[in-house]
């Protein structure tokens, strides 16, 4: 398709709503280039073609975009950047094209590749500033542009999350209901008998050995034997007492009725 038909197609598509219409300073949007046109500006209020005092037409670059962040059920997200083809605005776009590093065969910035349909462009409303013009001062909006070729933009997109395969629900046999043991009658609680008070331990009875019967001294046994022997011989008690050297009364005790 020739450049003439490109211009015809662009004119049929219309220009579109400006990207920063009613947007505050600091706004930034990223869109996909859907088309580009190079058209003559019109005068505000009259829509007449705008020209310089020299009669030369005032031209502009119209970059049509699809901006996902602005798309809703009631808004298709179609917007356009209107960039003057002279002065500071032209310089800002030229800087963005050069920053892509795309070159023609003779080493110049490749405008055609940089502004190709499908490429991504991020535009930021940086600030407002007062500038001096030929007829006085005026307020100028300052913009910044960053162009990302489609191939590079696709590499920057995160890979789509892999969906886990659908799990086929497994059928498991239901366990047989557990048979509950019959309820046991409640255990009767009986009061525990009071502990029996034990009498204090009695001190052990001391056992005393019984004295053994007194054994007559060996000497007394001999004297008694001799006394009986003498009595058996008919010796009278006085003589026995005298012979044994004991009292007569002791002889009487020893012999008794002997």
Protein backbone atom coordinates (compact mmCIF):
# COMPACT_ATOMS: atom_id res chain seq x y z
CA UNK A 1 0.00 0.00 0.00
CA UNK A 2 1.37 3.40 -0.97
CA UNK A 3 1.79 6.37 1.38
CA UNK A 4 -1.18 8.05 -0.38
CA UNK A 5 -3.48 5.24 0.61
CA UNK A 6 -2.03 5.29 4.11
CA UNK A 7 -3.09 8.93 4.37
CA UNK A 8 -6.56 8.15 3.01
CA UNK A 9 -7.01 5.29 5.47
CA UNK A 10 -5.85 7.50 8.32
CA UNK A 11 -8.30 10.24 7.40
CA UNK A 12 -11.16 7.75 7.39
CA UNK A 13 -10.26 6.47 10.85
CA UNK A 14 -10.58 9.90 12.44
CA UNK A 15 -8.22 11.35 14.99
CA UNK A 16 -9.63 10.21 18.33
CA UNK A 17 -9.78 11.71 21.79
CA UNK A 18 -6.56 13.19 23.12
CA UNK A 19 -4.72 10.98 25.61
CA UNK A 20 -4.27 13.75 28.19
CA UNK A 21 -7.64 15.45 27.78
CA UNK A 22 -8.70 16.55 31.28
CA UNK A 23 -5.80 14.63 32.85
CA UNK A 24 -3.72 16.17 35.67
CA UNK A 25 0.01 16.70 35.81
CA UNK A 26 1.78 13.44 36.66
CA UNK A 27 -0.58 11.27 34.62
CA UNK A 28 1.10 8.45 32.72
CA UNK A 29 -0.40 5.95 30.29
CA UNK A 30 0.90 3.06 28.23
CA UNK A 31 -0.77 2.19 24.95
CA UNK A 32 -0.31 0.05 21.86
CA UNK A 33 0.16 1.93 18.59
CA UNK A 34 -2.78 1.20 16.27
CA UNK A 35 -2.02 3.79 13.59
CA UNK A 36 -0.14 7.00 12.80
CA UNK A 37 -0.86 10.06 10.68
CA UNK A 38 0.85 13.31 9.72
CA UNK A 39 -1.81 15.99 9.38
CA UNK A 40 -2.26 19.75 9.33
CA UNK A 41 -3.49 21.28 12.54
CA UNK A 42 -6.66 23.38 12.67
CA UNK A 43 -7.31 26.68 14.39
CA UNK A 44 -9.11 26.44 17.69
CA UNK A 45 -12.70 27.67 17.43
CA UNK A 46 -12.83 27.88 13.62
CA UNK A 47 -11.47 24.47 12.57
CA UNK A 48 -9.71 26.25 9.73
CA UNK A 49 -6.32 24.86 8.65
CA UNK A 50 -3.60 26.38 10.82
CA UNK A 51 -0.66 28.11 9.15
CA UNK A 52 2.38 30.05 10.16
CA UNK A 53 2.61 33.79 9.26
CA UNK A 54 4.69 32.67 6.32
CA UNK A 55 1.73 30.65 5.08
CA UNK A 56 3.46 27.34 5.76
CA UNK A 57 1.04 24.78 7.26
CA UNK A 58 1.33 23.82 10.90
CA UNK A 59 1.72 20.04 10.87
CA UNK A 60 1.36 17.47 13.66
CA UNK A 61 2.03 13.80 14.32
CA UNK A 62 -1.10 11.90 15.33
CA UNK A 63 -0.28 8.61 17.04
CA UNK A 64 -3.40 6.54 17.63
CA UNK A 65 -3.33 4.19 20.61
CA UNK A 66 -5.27 1.53 22.42
CA UNK A 67 -4.86 2.14 26.16
CA UNK A 68 -5.98 -0.92 28.21
CA UNK A 69 -5.99 1.07 31.46
CA UNK A 70 -8.71 3.38 30.08
CA UNK A 71 -10.90 0.67 28.53
CA UNK A 72 -14.27 0.05 30.20
CA UNK A 73 -17.69 -1.22 29.17
CA UNK A 74 -18.48 2.30 27.96
CA UNK A 75 -15.00 3.23 26.64
CA UNK A 76 -13.06 1.32 24.01
CA UNK A 77 -9.75 2.74 25.29
CA UNK A 78 -8.96 4.42 21.95
CA UNK A 79 -6.86 7.57 22.37
CA UNK A 80 -4.46 9.69 20.33
CA UNK A 81 -1.28 11.65 20.97
CA UNK A 82 -1.19 14.99 19.15
CA UNK A 83 2.43 16.10 18.85
CA UNK A 84 3.42 19.30 17.07
CA UNK A 85 5.87 18.73 14.24
CA UNK A 86 8.12 21.60 15.34
CA UNK A 87 9.74 22.99 18.47
CA UNK A 88 10.01 21.22 21.83
CA UNK A 89 7.26 18.66 21.20
CA UNK A 90 8.98 17.41 18.07
CA UNK A 91 12.25 17.14 20.03
CA UNK A 92 10.66 14.99 22.78
CA UNK A 93 9.32 12.51 20.22
CA UNK A 94 12.63 12.47 18.36
CA UNK A 95 14.50 11.67 21.60
CA UNK A 96 12.17 8.72 22.24
CA UNK A 97 12.74 7.37 18.70
CA UNK A 98 16.51 7.63 19.06
CA UNK A 99 16.39 5.89 22.47
CA UNK A 100 14.99 2.72 20.84
CA UNK A 101 18.32 2.21 19.07
CA UNK A 102 16.54 1.34 15.81
CA UNK A 103 18.58 2.47 12.78
CA UNK A 104 18.10 2.58 9.04
CA UNK A 105 20.67 1.13 6.67
CA UNK A 106 22.46 4.47 6.56
CA UNK A 107 22.63 4.70 10.38
CA UNK A 108 19.85 7.23 10.96
CA UNK A 109 17.05 6.74 13.54
CA UNK A 110 14.44 4.45 11.98
CA UNK A 111 11.16 6.36 12.45
CA UNK A 112 9.13 3.78 10.50
CA UNK A 113 10.18 0.89 12.76
CA UNK A 114 9.99 2.95 15.96
CA UNK A 115 6.39 4.05 15.32
CA UNK A 116 5.24 0.78 13.76
CA UNK A 117 1.78 -0.54 14.60
CA UNK A 118 1.99 -2.92 17.56
CA UNK A 119 4.80 -1.08 19.30
CA UNK A 120 4.20 0.18 22.82
CA UNK A 121 4.52 3.81 23.88
CA UNK A 122 4.38 5.26 27.39
CA UNK A 123 3.51 8.95 27.62
CA UNK A 124 3.86 10.99 30.83
CA UNK A 125 2.52 14.47 31.58
CA UNK A 126 5.63 15.74 33.41
CA UNK A 127 4.79 19.36 34.28
CA UNK A 128 3.55 22.76 33.16
CA UNK A 129 6.00 25.59 32.59
CA UNK A 130 5.95 29.19 31.43
CA UNK A 131 7.95 29.88 28.27
CA UNK A 132 8.75 33.01 26.32
CA UNK A 133 7.28 33.22 22.83
CA UNK A 134 7.65 35.80 20.06
CA UNK A 135 4.58 37.66 21.22
CA UNK A 136 4.80 37.02 24.96
CA UNK A 137 4.85 34.22 27.55
CA UNK A 138 2.55 31.21 27.56
CA UNK A 139 2.07 27.97 29.47
CA UNK A 140 3.55 24.86 27.88
CA UNK A 141 2.80 21.29 28.90
CA UNK A 142 5.93 19.14 29.11
CA UNK A 143 5.64 15.46 28.09
CA UNK A 144 7.99 12.50 28.04
CA UNK A 145 7.73 9.53 25.71
CA UNK A 146 9.22 6.03 25.91
CA UNK A 147 8.84 3.70 22.93
CA UNK A 148 9.19 -0.07 23.29
CA UNK A 149 9.23 -2.26 20.14
CA UNK A 150 6.58 -4.97 20.09
CA UNK A 151 9.10 -7.83 20.28
CA UNK A 152 10.74 -6.32 23.35
CA UNK A 153 7.38 -5.51 24.95
CA UNK A 154 6.29 -9.14 24.57
CA UNK A 155 9.44 -10.32 26.32
CA UNK A 156 8.65 -8.03 29.24
CA UNK A 157 5.17 -9.48 29.66
CA UNK A 158 4.97 -12.16 32.39
CA UNK A 159 4.31 -15.64 31.05
CA UNK A 160 0.69 -16.73 31.47
CA UNK A 161 0.19 -18.85 34.53
CA UNK A 162 -0.01 -22.55 33.77
CA UNK A 163 -3.35 -23.93 34.79
CA UNK A 164 -3.24 -27.16 36.71
CA UNK A 165 -5.03 -30.03 34.93
CA UNK A 166 -8.55 -30.52 36.09
CA UNK A 167 -8.67 -33.02 38.88
CA UNK A 168 -11.03 -35.92 38.33
CA UNK A 169 -12.80 -36.45 41.61
CA UNK A 170 -11.95 -39.89 42.94
CA UNK A 171 -14.72 -41.98 44.35
CA UNK A 172 -13.88 -43.54 47.66
CA UNK A 173 -15.93 -46.11 49.47
CA UNK A 174 -17.60 -44.59 52.44
CA UNK A 175 -16.40 -46.20 55.67
CA UNK A 176 -19.04 -48.20 57.51
CA UNK A 177 -20.51 -46.28 60.40
CA UNK A 178 -18.75 -47.09 63.65
CA UNK A 179 -20.97 -49.12 65.98
CA UNK A 180 -21.13 -47.40 69.27
CA UNK A 181 -20.98 -49.54 72.39
CA UNK A 182 -24.15 -49.37 74.52
CA UNK A 183 -23.97 -46.72 77.12
CA UNK A 184 -22.64 -48.05 80.41
CA UNK A 185 -24.71 -47.27 83.49
CA UNK A 186 -23.08 -44.59 85.54
CA UNK A 187 -20.69 -45.92 88.15
CA UNK A 188 -22.15 -45.53 91.61
CA UNK A 189 -19.97 -43.37 93.72
CA UNK A 190 -19.84 -44.49 97.34
CA UNK A 191 -18.47 -42.49 100.16
CA UNK A 192 -15.18 -43.88 101.31
CA UNK A 193 -15.23 -45.03 104.99
CA UNK A 194 -13.33 -42.82 107.32
CA UNK A 195 -9.91 -44.22 108.09
CA UNK A 196 -9.80 -46.19 111.38
CA UNK A 197 -7.91 -44.33 114.04
CA UNK A 198 -5.18 -46.57 115.27
CA UNK A 199 -4.44 -46.62 118.97
CA UNK A 200 -1.05 -45.33 119.84
CA UNK A 201 1.51 -48.09 119.94
CA UNK A 202 2.05 -49.49 123.45
CA UNK A 203 5.61 -49.62 124.58
CA UNK A 204 6.82 -53.18 124.39
CA UNK A 205 6.53 -55.10 127.62
CA UNK A 206 9.96 -55.78 128.90
CA UNK A 207 10.52 -59.43 129.49
CA UNK A 208 12.67 -60.22 132.49
CA UNK A 209 14.39 -63.52 132.81
CA UNK A 210 13.15 -65.57 135.74
CA UNK A 211 15.92 -66.21 138.21
CA UNK A 212 17.09 -69.77 138.13
CA UNK A 213 16.52 -71.65 141.38
CA UNK A 214 19.40 -71.17 143.64
CA UNK A 215 21.72 -74.08 143.61
CA UNK A 216 23.29 -74.91 146.95
CA UNK A 217 26.87 -74.00 147.02
CA UNK A 218 29.16 -76.93 146.52
CA UNK A 219 30.60 -76.50 150.01
CA UNK A 220 27.18 -76.63 151.65
CA UNK A 221 26.33 -79.80 149.69
CA UNK A 222 29.43 -81.47 150.94
CA UNK A 223 28.75 -80.38 154.54
CA UNK A 224 25.15 -81.64 154.31
CA UNK A 225 26.31 -84.98 152.89
CA UNK A 226 28.86 -85.38 155.59
CA UNK A 227 26.30 -84.38 158.18
CA UNK A 228 23.90 -87.07 156.98
CA UNK A 229 26.71 -89.58 156.75
CA UNK A 230 27.71 -88.91 160.36
CA UNK A 231 24.09 -89.00 161.48
CA UNK A 232 23.71 -92.38 159.85
CA UNK A 233 26.58 -93.60 161.95
CA UNK A 234 24.71 -92.52 165.04
CA UNK A 235 26.78 -89.45 165.78
CA UNK A 236 24.79 -86.91 167.81
CA UNK A 237 24.07 -83.44 166.47
CA UNK A 238 26.44 -81.64 168.83
CA UNK A 239 29.33 -83.80 167.78
CA UNK A 240 28.44 -83.45 164.07
CA UNK A 241 28.34 -79.62 164.44
CA UNK A 242 31.69 -79.70 166.26
CA UNK A 243 33.20 -82.05 163.69
CA UNK A 244 32.01 -79.99 160.71
CA UNK A 245 32.70 -76.60 162.38
CA UNK A 246 29.11 -75.34 162.09
CA UNK A 247 26.35 -74.39 164.41
CA UNK A 248 24.28 -77.16 165.86
CA UNK A 249 21.18 -75.38 164.62
CA UNK A 250 22.54 -75.61 161.04
CA UNK A 251 23.00 -79.35 161.51
CA UNK A 252 19.40 -79.61 162.60
CA UNK A 253 18.29 -77.73 159.45
CA UNK A 254 20.44 -79.97 157.20
CA UNK A 255 19.30 -83.22 158.73
CA UNK A 256 15.69 -82.25 159.48
CA UNK A 257 14.00 -85.42 160.65
CA UNK A 258 16.90 -87.59 159.51
